[in-house]
């Protein structure tokens, strides 16, 4: 049997940020860790022939400085929720969870986690944009900030920054079941906490290390009770055995705990991914059922065949609309 190191048993630190306050704060929270100084994060993160599936069992942490900008315009496969100036931010790269279908496995060359400790420079970059226009910013697309909040403290800092900038709205997306944050952090009506919720079968088979679905639902309720606007994301929907039964039970579980009238909104969408990302993922995970499903390629993006996709999405819209007004249900198109 393979013996893996524990998560973050090795921490790679760029020499340029070795004395940065956030670097020191993060290292102080880690025990029995081997710290290795490096010149640049890409020396480790972008090495050739890495196995993301193997690294998922023993992720290393890389503390680095971003020098090339972290704010990007939203991608076509992402929902903008009707926001005109839609951007996302990469203040971290990769996730401590290991969802088999996650596009990060196709986008990045490594399964290790990069944290850019110079958050103040990212804020300065964003302030330059905010001087020109209002911004809707997703800050947790390329990592789960909530899941690693105990180590980084970035969620707290993003909330504080957003409170100071009235023309900024952010979304923090997560699969974490942490409830404590939302009673300890002061709510802001422009900080949307978005929970990806999945059926138990999907979570058990494909969402490794992520919090259980009911834990996420309870955490969403805690965020609502704490005064935060909450978005529920039935996205991506994953085709599986008895998918109607699985998603029907999920809807029942969600709305037995959460008042749909109090939700900020709901996102619904079936799985879709860039053809280039999926090609890389299939090479790394040849035995993954979700990765190797016979998807259709539509304009460079893989998605379920039309009959499956429309059946799943229409089913979910109908089920959710019993609890949430349709004008607050958003679909990816």
C-alpha atoms as a PDB file:
ATOM      1  CA  UNK A   1       0.000   0.000   0.000  1.00  0.00           C
ATOM      2  CA  UNK A   2       1.237   3.488  -0.861  1.00  0.00           C
ATOM      3  CA  UNK A   3       2.086   5.681   2.108  1.00  0.00           C
ATOM      4  CA  UNK A   4       1.323   9.337   1.460  1.00  0.00           C
ATOM      5  CA  UNK A   5       2.493  12.361   3.393  1.00  0.00           C
ATOM      6  CA  UNK A   6      -0.188  14.314   5.209  1.00  0.00           C
ATOM      7  CA  UNK A   7      -1.613  17.399   3.558  1.00  0.00           C
ATOM      8  CA  UNK A   8       0.795  20.356   3.683  1.00  0.00           C
ATOM      9  CA  UNK A   9       3.586  18.268   5.193  1.00  0.00           C
ATOM     10  CA  UNK A  10       5.777  20.225   2.782  1.00  0.00           C
ATOM     11  CA  UNK A  11       5.482  23.987   2.298  1.00  0.00           C
ATOM     12  CA  UNK A  12       7.360  25.722  -0.493  1.00  0.00           C
ATOM     13  CA  UNK A  13       7.995  29.416   0.163  1.00  0.00           C
ATOM     14  CA  UNK A  14       9.207  31.914  -2.396  1.00  0.00           C
ATOM     15  CA  UNK A  15      12.251  33.727  -1.062  1.00  0.00           C
ATOM     16  CA  UNK A  16      10.616  37.044  -1.886  1.00  0.00           C
ATOM     17  CA  UNK A  17       7.716  36.442   0.529  1.00  0.00           C
ATOM     18  CA  UNK A  18       9.581  34.606   3.292  1.00  0.00           C
ATOM     19  CA  UNK A  19       9.262  37.639   5.574  1.00  0.00           C
ATOM     20  CA  UNK A  20       5.755  38.637   4.498  1.00  0.00           C
ATOM     21  CA  UNK A  21       3.382  38.852   7.512  1.00  0.00           C
ATOM     22  CA  UNK A  22       0.862  36.462   5.941  1.00  0.00           C
ATOM     23  CA  UNK A  23       3.593  33.926   5.240  1.00  0.00           C
ATOM     24  CA  UNK A  24       4.616  34.007   8.882  1.00  0.00           C
ATOM     25  CA  UNK A  25       1.002  33.770  10.069  1.00  0.00           C
ATOM     26  CA  UNK A  26       0.325  30.730   7.889  1.00  0.00           C
ATOM     27  CA  UNK A  27       3.517  28.913   8.881  1.00  0.00           C
ATOM     28  CA  UNK A  28       2.782  29.508  12.566  1.00  0.00           C
ATOM     29  CA  UNK A  29      -0.464  27.548  12.151  1.00  0.00           C
ATOM     30  CA  UNK A  30       1.222  24.487  10.641  1.00  0.00           C
ATOM     31  CA  UNK A  31       2.905  21.804  12.744  1.00  0.00           C
ATOM     32  CA  UNK A  32       5.544  19.231  11.756  1.00  0.00           C
ATOM     33  CA  UNK A  33       5.977  20.865   8.381  1.00  0.00           C
ATOM     34  CA  UNK A  34       9.054  20.865   6.179  1.00  0.00           C
ATOM     35  CA  UNK A  35       9.609  24.373   4.792  1.00  0.00           C
ATOM     36  CA  UNK A  36      11.558  24.644   1.539  1.00  0.00           C
ATOM     37  CA  UNK A  37      12.628  27.973   0.032  1.00  0.00           C
ATOM     38  CA  UNK A  38      12.225  28.382  -3.733  1.00  0.00           C
ATOM     39  CA  UNK A  39      12.880  31.143  -6.236  1.00  0.00           C
ATOM     40  CA  UNK A  40       9.476  31.064  -7.951  1.00  0.00           C
ATOM     41  CA  UNK A  41       6.276  29.103  -7.390  1.00  0.00           C
ATOM     42  CA  UNK A  42       6.274  27.868 -10.986  1.00  0.00           C
ATOM     43  CA  UNK A  43       9.486  25.946 -10.273  1.00  0.00           C
ATOM     44  CA  UNK A  44       7.307  23.557  -8.252  1.00  0.00           C
ATOM     45  CA  UNK A  45       3.789  24.149  -9.519  1.00  0.00           C
ATOM     46  CA  UNK A  46       4.608  23.937 -13.232  1.00  0.00           C
ATOM     47  CA  UNK A  47       7.002  20.989 -13.224  1.00  0.00           C
ATOM     48  CA  UNK A  48       6.374  18.530 -16.042  1.00  0.00           C
ATOM     49  CA  UNK A  49       4.799  15.087 -15.627  1.00  0.00           C
ATOM     50  CA  UNK A  50       3.020  15.716 -12.332  1.00  0.00           C
ATOM     51  CA  UNK A  51       0.197  13.361 -11.365  1.00  0.00           C
ATOM     52  CA  UNK A  52      -2.697  15.410 -10.045  1.00  0.00           C
ATOM     53  CA  UNK A  53      -4.579  12.296  -8.950  1.00  0.00           C
ATOM     54  CA  UNK A  54      -1.595  11.150  -6.860  1.00  0.00           C
ATOM     55  CA  UNK A  55      -0.981  14.614  -5.423  1.00  0.00           C
ATOM     56  CA  UNK A  56      -4.592  14.827  -4.256  1.00  0.00           C
ATOM     57  CA  UNK A  57      -3.677  12.455  -1.426  1.00  0.00           C
ATOM     58  CA  UNK A  58      -0.754  14.552  -0.217  1.00  0.00           C
ATOM     59  CA  UNK A  59      -1.019  18.150  -1.364  1.00  0.00           C
ATOM     60  CA  UNK A  60       1.886  20.491  -0.803  1.00  0.00           C
ATOM     61  CA  UNK A  61       1.366  24.180  -0.015  1.00  0.00           C
ATOM     62  CA  UNK A  62       3.143  26.889  -1.995  1.00  0.00           C
ATOM     63  CA  UNK A  63       3.304  30.444  -0.633  1.00  0.00           C
ATOM     64  CA  UNK A  64       4.015  32.941  -3.363  1.00  0.00           C
ATOM     65  CA  UNK A  65       3.684  36.467  -4.707  1.00  0.00           C
ATOM     66  CA  UNK A  66       1.458  37.220  -7.660  1.00  0.00           C
ATOM     67  CA  UNK A  67       3.195  39.704  -9.931  1.00  0.00           C
ATOM     68  CA  UNK A  68       1.091  39.424 -13.085  1.00  0.00           C
ATOM     69  CA  UNK A  69      -2.414  40.323 -11.918  1.00  0.00           C
ATOM     70  CA  UNK A  70      -5.214  38.214 -10.486  1.00  0.00           C
ATOM     71  CA  UNK A  71      -8.422  39.803 -11.816  1.00  0.00           C
ATOM     72  CA  UNK A  72      -9.907  38.285 -14.984  1.00  0.00           C
ATOM     73  CA  UNK A  73     -13.094  38.657 -16.990  1.00  0.00           C
ATOM     74  CA  UNK A  74     -15.611  35.876 -16.360  1.00  0.00           C
ATOM     75  CA  UNK A  75     -15.363  32.760 -18.543  1.00  0.00           C
ATOM     76  CA  UNK A  76     -18.188  31.671 -20.916  1.00  0.00           C
ATOM     77  CA  UNK A  77     -18.932  28.513 -18.880  1.00  0.00           C
ATOM     78  CA  UNK A  78     -19.558  30.572 -15.732  1.00  0.00           C
ATOM     79  CA  UNK A  79     -22.840  32.218 -14.800  1.00  0.00           C
ATOM     80  CA  UNK A  80     -22.870  36.002 -14.504  1.00  0.00           C
ATOM     81  CA  UNK A  81     -26.296  36.155 -12.772  1.00  0.00           C
ATOM     82  CA  UNK A  82     -27.227  39.135 -14.899  1.00  0.00           C
ATOM     83  CA  UNK A  83     -24.212  41.184 -13.832  1.00  0.00           C
ATOM     84  CA  UNK A  84     -22.658  43.252 -16.608  1.00  0.00           C
ATOM     85  CA  UNK A  85     -19.147  43.687 -15.216  1.00  0.00           C
ATOM     86  CA  UNK A  86     -18.443  40.079 -14.246  1.00  0.00           C
ATOM     87  CA  UNK A  87     -14.922  39.181 -13.119  1.00  0.00           C
ATOM     88  CA  UNK A  88     -13.216  36.499 -11.094  1.00  0.00           C
ATOM     89  CA  UNK A  89     -10.111  36.551  -8.948  1.00  0.00           C
ATOM     90  CA  UNK A  90      -7.352  33.978  -8.431  1.00  0.00           C
ATOM     91  CA  UNK A  91      -5.887  34.807  -5.037  1.00  0.00           C
ATOM     92  CA  UNK A  92      -5.296  31.071  -4.631  1.00  0.00           C
ATOM     93  CA  UNK A  93      -4.840  28.280  -7.137  1.00  0.00           C
ATOM     94  CA  UNK A  94      -6.307  24.838  -6.485  1.00  0.00           C
ATOM     95  CA  UNK A  95      -8.502  23.388  -3.790  1.00  0.00           C
ATOM     96  CA  UNK A  96      -8.059  21.174  -0.737  1.00  0.00           C
ATOM     97  CA  UNK A  97     -11.076  19.153  -1.883  1.00  0.00           C
ATOM     98  CA  UNK A  98     -10.724  16.580  -4.666  1.00  0.00           C
ATOM     99  CA  UNK A  99     -13.811  16.594  -6.885  1.00  0.00           C
ATOM    100  CA  UNK A 100     -13.165  14.311  -9.857  1.00  0.00           C
ATOM    101  CA  UNK A 101     -15.071  16.500 -12.303  1.00  0.00           C
ATOM    102  CA  UNK A 102     -13.460  19.795 -11.255  1.00  0.00           C
ATOM    103  CA  UNK A 103     -12.091  21.855 -14.146  1.00  0.00           C
ATOM    104  CA  UNK A 104      -9.076  22.838 -12.034  1.00  0.00           C
ATOM    105  CA  UNK A 105      -7.669  19.365 -12.730  1.00  0.00           C
ATOM    106  CA  UNK A 106      -7.599  20.254 -16.403  1.00  0.00           C
ATOM    107  CA  UNK A 107      -6.528  23.869 -16.031  1.00  0.00           C
ATOM    108  CA  UNK A 108      -3.528  23.492 -13.727  1.00  0.00           C
ATOM    109  CA  UNK A 109      -0.423  21.291 -14.148  1.00  0.00           C
ATOM    110  CA  UNK A 110      -0.341  20.402 -10.448  1.00  0.00           C
ATOM    111  CA  UNK A 111      -2.586  19.258  -7.629  1.00  0.00           C
ATOM    112  CA  UNK A 112      -0.687  21.345  -5.087  1.00  0.00           C
ATOM    113  CA  UNK A 113      -2.160  24.521  -3.610  1.00  0.00           C
ATOM    114  CA  UNK A 114      -0.755  27.997  -4.251  1.00  0.00           C
ATOM    115  CA  UNK A 115      -1.610  30.882  -1.930  1.00  0.00           C
ATOM    116  CA  UNK A 116      -0.653  34.360  -3.087  1.00  0.00           C
ATOM    117  CA  UNK A 117       0.155  36.091   0.180  1.00  0.00           C
ATOM    118  CA  UNK A 118       0.312  39.613  -1.314  1.00  0.00           C
ATOM    119  CA  UNK A 119      -3.438  40.111  -1.038  1.00  0.00           C
ATOM    120  CA  UNK A 120      -2.883  43.845  -0.618  1.00  0.00           C
ATOM    121  CA  UNK A 121      -1.618  44.040  -4.220  1.00  0.00           C
ATOM    122  CA  UNK A 122      -4.691  42.191  -5.450  1.00  0.00           C
ATOM    123  CA  UNK A 123      -6.862  44.696  -3.590  1.00  0.00           C
ATOM    124  CA  UNK A 124      -4.945  47.559  -5.228  1.00  0.00           C
ATOM    125  CA  UNK A 125      -5.507  46.004  -8.669  1.00  0.00           C
ATOM    126  CA  UNK A 126      -9.208  45.718  -7.913  1.00  0.00           C
ATOM    127  CA  UNK A 127      -9.451  49.290  -6.624  1.00  0.00           C
ATOM    128  CA  UNK A 128      -8.151  50.531  -9.975  1.00  0.00           C
ATOM    129  CA  UNK A 129     -11.043  48.734 -11.685  1.00  0.00           C
ATOM    130  CA  UNK A 130     -13.555  49.966  -9.123  1.00  0.00           C
ATOM    131  CA  UNK A 131     -12.516  53.543  -9.878  1.00  0.00           C
ATOM    132  CA  UNK A 132     -13.917  52.988 -13.389  1.00  0.00           C
ATOM    133  CA  UNK A 133     -17.073  50.928 -12.790  1.00  0.00           C
ATOM    134  CA  UNK A 134     -19.051  48.702 -10.459  1.00  0.00           C
ATOM    135  CA  UNK A 135     -17.749  45.138 -10.285  1.00  0.00           C
ATOM    136  CA  UNK A 136     -19.297  41.739  -9.618  1.00  0.00           C
ATOM    137  CA  UNK A 137     -16.384  39.524  -8.575  1.00  0.00           C
ATOM    138  CA  UNK A 138     -16.203  35.804  -7.868  1.00  0.00           C
ATOM    139  CA  UNK A 139     -13.295  35.346  -5.472  1.00  0.00           C
ATOM    140  CA  UNK A 140     -13.515  31.596  -4.886  1.00  0.00           C
ATOM    141  CA  UNK A 141     -13.685  29.965  -8.328  1.00  0.00           C
ATOM    142  CA  UNK A 142     -10.131  28.616  -8.437  1.00  0.00           C
ATOM    143  CA  UNK A 143     -10.012  27.564  -4.776  1.00  0.00           C
ATOM    144  CA  UNK A 144     -12.388  27.023  -1.861  1.00  0.00           C
ATOM    145  CA  UNK A 145     -11.543  29.972   0.389  1.00  0.00           C
ATOM    146  CA  UNK A 146     -13.978  28.930   3.112  1.00  0.00           C
ATOM    147  CA  UNK A 147     -12.425  25.472   3.383  1.00  0.00           C
ATOM    148  CA  UNK A 148      -8.974  26.930   4.033  1.00  0.00           C
ATOM    149  CA  UNK A 149     -10.046  29.984   6.035  1.00  0.00           C
ATOM    150  CA  UNK A 150      -8.475  28.722   9.275  1.00  0.00           C
ATOM    151  CA  UNK A 151      -5.106  28.853   7.559  1.00  0.00           C
ATOM    152  CA  UNK A 152      -5.390  31.905   5.296  1.00  0.00           C
ATOM    153  CA  UNK A 153      -7.965  34.287   6.793  1.00  0.00           C
ATOM    154  CA  UNK A 154      -8.790  35.486   3.260  1.00  0.00           C
ATOM    155  CA  UNK A 155     -12.571  35.301   3.692  1.00  0.00           C
ATOM    156  CA  UNK A 156     -12.402  37.742   6.594  1.00  0.00           C
ATOM    157  CA  UNK A 157     -10.196  40.084   4.564  1.00  0.00           C
ATOM    158  CA  UNK A 158     -12.438  39.946   1.492  1.00  0.00           C
ATOM    159  CA  UNK A 159     -15.495  40.772   3.591  1.00  0.00           C
ATOM    160  CA  UNK A 160     -13.731  43.743   5.188  1.00  0.00           C
ATOM    161  CA  UNK A 161     -12.543  45.019   1.790  1.00  0.00           C
ATOM    162  CA  UNK A 162     -16.006  44.686   0.238  1.00  0.00           C
ATOM    163  CA  UNK A 163     -17.602  46.627   3.087  1.00  0.00           C
ATOM    164  CA  UNK A 164     -15.364  49.585   2.217  1.00  0.00           C
ATOM    165  CA  UNK A 165     -16.278  49.622  -1.502  1.00  0.00           C
ATOM    166  CA  UNK A 166     -19.949  50.215  -2.204  1.00  0.00           C
ATOM    167  CA  UNK A 167     -19.674  49.452  -5.923  1.00  0.00           C
ATOM    168  CA  UNK A 168     -18.258  45.968  -5.303  1.00  0.00           C
ATOM    169  CA  UNK A 169     -20.276  42.766  -4.912  1.00  0.00           C
ATOM    170  CA  UNK A 170     -18.454  39.480  -4.381  1.00  0.00           C
ATOM    171  CA  UNK A 171     -19.416  35.831  -4.437  1.00  0.00           C
ATOM    172  CA  UNK A 172     -17.620  33.301  -2.226  1.00  0.00           C
ATOM    173  CA  UNK A 173     -18.406  29.779  -3.460  1.00  0.00           C
ATOM    174  CA  UNK A 174     -17.806  26.722  -1.308  1.00  0.00           C
ATOM    175  CA  UNK A 175     -18.458  23.065  -0.573  1.00  0.00           C
ATOM    176  CA  UNK A 176     -17.410  23.493   3.038  1.00  0.00           C
ATOM    177  CA  UNK A 177     -19.706  22.703   5.937  1.00  0.00           C
ATOM    178  CA  UNK A 178     -18.184  25.299   8.275  1.00  0.00           C
ATOM    179  CA  UNK A 179     -20.869  27.164  10.207  1.00  0.00           C
ATOM    180  CA  UNK A 180     -18.818  29.151  12.705  1.00  0.00           C
ATOM    181  CA  UNK A 181     -17.630  31.840  10.299  1.00  0.00           C
ATOM    182  CA  UNK A 182     -21.063  33.300   9.680  1.00  0.00           C
ATOM    183  CA  UNK A 183     -21.735  34.052  13.335  1.00  0.00           C
ATOM    184  CA  UNK A 184     -18.212  35.401  13.897  1.00  0.00           C
ATOM    185  CA  UNK A 185     -17.950  37.604  10.792  1.00  0.00           C
ATOM    186  CA  UNK A 186     -20.123  40.690  10.380  1.00  0.00           C
ATOM    187  CA  UNK A 187     -22.498  40.240   7.454  1.00  0.00           C
ATOM    188  CA  UNK A 188     -22.454  42.375   4.324  1.00  0.00           C
ATOM    189  CA  UNK A 189     -25.323  42.413   1.821  1.00  0.00           C
ATOM    190  CA  UNK A 190     -22.795  42.562  -1.024  1.00  0.00           C
ATOM    191  CA  UNK A 191     -20.987  39.380   0.035  1.00  0.00           C
ATOM    192  CA  UNK A 192     -22.900  36.443  -1.444  1.00  0.00           C
ATOM    193  CA  UNK A 193     -22.105  33.063   0.095  1.00  0.00           C
ATOM    194  CA  UNK A 194     -22.715  30.426  -2.584  1.00  0.00           C
ATOM    195  CA  UNK A 195     -23.023  26.745  -1.715  1.00  0.00           C
ATOM    196  CA  UNK A 196     -22.638  24.020  -4.310  1.00  0.00           C
ATOM    197  CA  UNK A 197     -25.076  21.294  -3.252  1.00  0.00           C
ATOM    198  CA  UNK A 198     -25.046  17.785  -4.694  1.00  0.00           C
ATOM    199  CA  UNK A 199     -26.972  14.546  -4.165  1.00  0.00           C
ATOM    200  CA  UNK A 200     -25.478  12.099  -1.694  1.00  0.00           C
ATOM    201  CA  UNK A 201     -24.557   9.644  -4.465  1.00  0.00           C
ATOM    202  CA  UNK A 202     -22.651  12.293  -6.426  1.00  0.00           C
ATOM    203  CA  UNK A 203     -20.875  13.585  -3.329  1.00  0.00           C
ATOM    204  CA  UNK A 204     -19.859  10.092  -2.208  1.00  0.00           C
ATOM    205  CA  UNK A 205     -18.594   8.985  -5.610  1.00  0.00           C
ATOM    206  CA  UNK A 206     -16.957  12.132  -6.958  1.00  0.00           C
ATOM    207  CA  UNK A 207     -16.539  14.896  -4.342  1.00  0.00           C
ATOM    208  CA  UNK A 208     -13.710  13.479  -2.262  1.00  0.00           C
ATOM    209  CA  UNK A 209     -12.871  15.259   1.009  1.00  0.00           C
ATOM    210  CA  UNK A 210     -15.662  17.827   0.525  1.00  0.00           C
ATOM    211  CA  UNK A 211     -18.224  18.276   3.292  1.00  0.00           C
ATOM    212  CA  UNK A 212     -21.295  16.048   3.148  1.00  0.00           C
ATOM    213  CA  UNK A 213     -24.351  17.542   1.406  1.00  0.00           C
ATOM    214  CA  UNK A 214     -26.346  17.938   4.629  1.00  0.00           C
ATOM    215  CA  UNK A 215     -23.396  19.712   6.258  1.00  0.00           C
ATOM    216  CA  UNK A 216     -23.328  22.209   3.389  1.00  0.00           C
ATOM    217  CA  UNK A 217     -27.073  22.741   3.687  1.00  0.00           C
ATOM    218  CA  UNK A 218     -26.741  23.396   7.415  1.00  0.00           C
ATOM    219  CA  UNK A 219     -23.856  25.802   6.762  1.00  0.00           C
ATOM    220  CA  UNK A 220     -25.967  27.655   4.188  1.00  0.00           C
ATOM    221  CA  UNK A 221     -28.687  28.048   6.800  1.00  0.00           C
ATOM    222  CA  UNK A 222     -26.097  29.358   9.280  1.00  0.00           C
ATOM    223  CA  UNK A 223     -24.934  31.946   6.742  1.00  0.00           C
ATOM    224  CA  UNK A 224     -28.533  33.058   6.150  1.00  0.00           C
ATOM    225  CA  UNK A 225     -29.173  33.261   9.884  1.00  0.00           C
ATOM    226  CA  UNK A 226     -25.991  35.341  10.175  1.00  0.00           C
ATOM    227  CA  UNK A 227     -27.388  37.897   7.729  1.00  0.00           C
ATOM    228  CA  UNK A 228     -25.436  36.974   4.594  1.00  0.00           C
ATOM    229  CA  UNK A 229     -27.176  36.665   1.217  1.00  0.00           C
ATOM    230  CA  UNK A 230     -27.008  32.983   0.235  1.00  0.00           C
ATOM    231  CA  UNK A 231     -26.973  31.446  -3.224  1.00  0.00           C
ATOM    232  CA  UNK A 232     -27.573  27.730  -3.750  1.00  0.00           C
ATOM    233  CA  UNK A 233     -25.862  26.166  -6.748  1.00  0.00           C
ATOM    234  CA  UNK A 234     -27.332  22.974  -8.147  1.00  0.00           C
ATOM    235  CA  UNK A 235     -24.434  23.243 -10.525  1.00  0.00           C
ATOM    236  CA  UNK A 236     -22.883  21.197 -11.916  1.00  0.00           C
ATOM    237  CA  UNK A 237     -25.625  18.614 -12.123  1.00  0.00           C
ATOM    238  CA  UNK A 238     -24.020  15.202 -12.632  1.00  0.00           C
ATOM    239  CA  UNK A 239     -25.775  12.421 -14.524  1.00  0.00           C
ATOM    240  CA  UNK A 240     -25.874   9.272 -12.391  1.00  0.00           C
ATOM    241  CA  UNK A 241     -27.948   6.191 -11.677  1.00  0.00           C
ATOM    242  CA  UNK A 242     -31.491   7.195 -10.647  1.00  0.00           C
ATOM    243  CA  UNK A 243     -30.608  10.859 -11.131  1.00  0.00           C
ATOM    244  CA  UNK A 244     -34.253  11.906 -10.820  1.00  0.00           C
ATOM    245  CA  UNK A 245     -34.553  10.234  -7.443  1.00  0.00           C
ATOM    246  CA  UNK A 246     -31.194  11.578  -6.286  1.00  0.00           C
ATOM    247  CA  UNK A 247     -31.947  15.192  -7.202  1.00  0.00           C
ATOM    248  CA  UNK A 248     -35.510  14.940  -5.941  1.00  0.00           C
ATOM    249  CA  UNK A 249     -34.234  13.859  -2.532  1.00  0.00           C
ATOM    250  CA  UNK A 250     -31.659  16.651  -2.613  1.00  0.00           C
ATOM    251  CA  UNK A 251     -34.345  19.282  -3.216  1.00  0.00           C
ATOM    252  CA  UNK A 252     -36.399  17.826  -0.353  1.00  0.00           C
ATOM    253  CA  UNK A 253     -33.369  17.900   1.956  1.00  0.00           C
ATOM    254  CA  UNK A 254     -32.495  21.480   1.033  1.00  0.00           C
ATOM    255  CA  UNK A 255     -35.919  23.010   1.451  1.00  0.00           C
ATOM    256  CA  UNK A 256     -36.732  21.084   4.604  1.00  0.00           C
ATOM    257  CA  UNK A 257     -33.971  23.203   6.190  1.00  0.00           C
ATOM    258  CA  UNK A 258     -33.959  26.416   4.149  1.00  0.00           C
ATOM    259  CA  UNK A 259     -36.724  28.897   3.391  1.00  0.00           C
ATOM    260  CA  UNK A 260     -36.575  29.349  -0.378  1.00  0.00           C
ATOM    261  CA  UNK A 261     -38.184  32.787  -0.121  1.00  0.00           C
ATOM    262  CA  UNK A 262     -35.154  34.021   1.838  1.00  0.00           C
ATOM    263  CA  UNK A 263     -32.523  32.791  -0.621  1.00  0.00           C
ATOM    264  CA  UNK A 264     -30.690  35.404  -2.664  1.00  0.00           C
ATOM    265  CA  UNK A 265     -31.018  33.221  -5.746  1.00  0.00           C
ATOM    266  CA  UNK A 266     -30.413  29.742  -7.176  1.00  0.00           C
ATOM    267  CA  UNK A 267     -28.094  28.515  -9.909  1.00  0.00           C
ATOM    268  CA  UNK A 268     -28.899  25.470 -12.048  1.00  0.00           C
ATOM    269  CA  UNK A 269     -26.666  23.951 -14.707  1.00  0.00           C
ATOM    270  CA  UNK A 270     -25.487  20.575 -15.935  1.00  0.00           C
ATOM    271  CA  UNK A 271     -21.819  19.656 -16.170  1.00  0.00           C
ATOM    272  CA  UNK A 272     -19.832  21.383 -18.937  1.00  0.00           C
ATOM    273  CA  UNK A 273     -16.115  21.840 -19.453  1.00  0.00           C
ATOM    274  CA  UNK A 274     -13.525  23.054 -21.954  1.00  0.00           C
ATOM    275  CA  UNK A 275     -12.410  20.385 -24.413  1.00  0.00           C
ATOM    276  CA  UNK A 276      -8.759  21.056 -23.576  1.00  0.00           C
ATOM    277  CA  UNK A 277      -9.323  20.602 -19.855  1.00  0.00           C
ATOM    278  CA  UNK A 278     -11.247  17.359 -20.307  1.00  0.00           C
ATOM    279  CA  UNK A 279      -8.578  15.917 -22.589  1.00  0.00           C
ATOM    280  CA  UNK A 280      -5.969  16.431 -19.866  1.00  0.00           C
ATOM    281  CA  UNK A 281      -8.260  15.052 -17.148  1.00  0.00           C
ATOM    282  CA  UNK A 282      -8.978  11.883 -19.121  1.00  0.00           C
ATOM    283  CA  UNK A 283      -5.274  11.236 -19.437  1.00  0.00           C
ATOM    284  CA  UNK A 284      -4.766  11.631 -15.687  1.00  0.00           C
ATOM    285  CA  UNK A 285      -7.950   9.807 -14.595  1.00  0.00           C
ATOM    286  CA  UNK A 286      -8.626   6.994 -17.090  1.00  0.00           C
ATOM    287  CA  UNK A 287     -10.862   5.125 -14.620  1.00  0.00           C
ATOM    288  CA  UNK A 288     -13.116   8.027 -13.637  1.00  0.00           C
ATOM    289  CA  UNK A 289     -16.683   7.464 -14.822  1.00  0.00           C
ATOM    290  CA  UNK A 290     -17.626  11.134 -14.686  1.00  0.00           C
ATOM    291  CA  UNK A 291     -14.536  12.232 -16.614  1.00  0.00           C
ATOM    292  CA  UNK A 292     -14.845   9.563 -19.302  1.00  0.00           C
ATOM    293  CA  UNK A 293     -18.571   9.894 -19.995  1.00  0.00           C
ATOM    294  CA  UNK A 294     -19.284  10.234 -23.768  1.00  0.00           C
ATOM    295  CA  UNK A 295     -20.051  13.962 -23.745  1.00  0.00           C
ATOM    296  CA  UNK A 296     -20.951  15.990 -26.817  1.00  0.00           C
ATOM    297  CA  UNK A 297     -18.509  18.646 -27.986  1.00  0.00           C
ATOM    298  CA  UNK A 298     -20.395  21.886 -28.628  1.00  0.00           C
ATOM    299  CA  UNK A 299     -18.217  24.742 -29.879  1.00  0.00           C
ATOM    300  CA  UNK A 300     -15.189  23.560 -27.930  1.00  0.00           C
ATOM    301  CA  UNK A 301     -17.030  22.702 -24.707  1.00  0.00           C
ATOM    302  CA  UNK A 302     -18.038  19.220 -23.628  1.00  0.00           C
ATOM    303  CA  UNK A 303     -21.513  18.787 -22.167  1.00  0.00           C
ATOM    304  CA  UNK A 304     -24.135  16.090 -21.835  1.00  0.00           C
ATOM    305  CA  UNK A 305     -26.071  15.074 -24.962  1.00  0.00           C
ATOM    306  CA  UNK A 306     -29.030  17.384 -25.507  1.00  0.00           C
ATOM    307  CA  UNK A 307     -31.678  14.885 -24.348  1.00  0.00           C
ATOM    308  CA  UNK A 308     -29.901  14.250 -21.032  1.00  0.00           C
ATOM    309  CA  UNK A 309     -28.988  17.886 -20.449  1.00  0.00           C
ATOM    310  CA  UNK A 310     -32.461  19.253 -21.124  1.00  0.00           C
ATOM    311  CA  UNK A 311     -34.171  16.520 -19.084  1.00  0.00           C
ATOM    312  CA  UNK A 312     -31.964  17.163 -16.059  1.00  0.00           C
ATOM    313  CA  UNK A 313     -32.126  20.937 -16.157  1.00  0.00           C
ATOM    314  CA  UNK A 314     -35.869  21.125 -16.816  1.00  0.00           C
ATOM    315  CA  UNK A 315     -36.499  18.629 -14.026  1.00  0.00           C
ATOM    316  CA  UNK A 316     -34.479  20.716 -11.576  1.00  0.00           C
ATOM    317  CA  UNK A 317     -36.099  24.001 -12.597  1.00  0.00           C
ATOM    318  CA  UNK A 318     -39.518  22.494 -12.007  1.00  0.00           C
ATOM    319  CA  UNK A 319     -38.521  21.033  -8.642  1.00  0.00           C
ATOM    320  CA  UNK A 320     -36.832  24.182  -7.328  1.00  0.00           C
ATOM    321  CA  UNK A 321     -39.543  26.544  -8.606  1.00  0.00           C
ATOM    322  CA  UNK A 322     -41.926  25.042  -6.060  1.00  0.00           C
ATOM    323  CA  UNK A 323     -39.846  26.826  -3.408  1.00  0.00           C
ATOM    324  CA  UNK A 324     -38.127  29.726  -5.212  1.00  0.00           C
ATOM    325  CA  UNK A 325     -39.616  32.300  -7.595  1.00  0.00           C
ATOM    326  CA  UNK A 326     -38.500  31.633 -11.156  1.00  0.00           C
ATOM    327  CA  UNK A 327     -37.072  35.128 -11.549  1.00  0.00           C
ATOM    328  CA  UNK A 328     -34.466  34.148  -8.937  1.00  0.00           C
ATOM    329  CA  UNK A 329     -33.511  30.897 -10.682  1.00  0.00           C
ATOM    330  CA  UNK A 330     -30.567  31.356 -13.039  1.00  0.00           C
ATOM    331  CA  UNK A 331     -29.565  28.949 -15.787  1.00  0.00           C
ATOM    332  CA  UNK A 332     -26.288  28.607 -17.635  1.00  0.00           C
ATOM    333  CA  UNK A 333     -26.824  29.049 -21.379  1.00  0.00           C
END
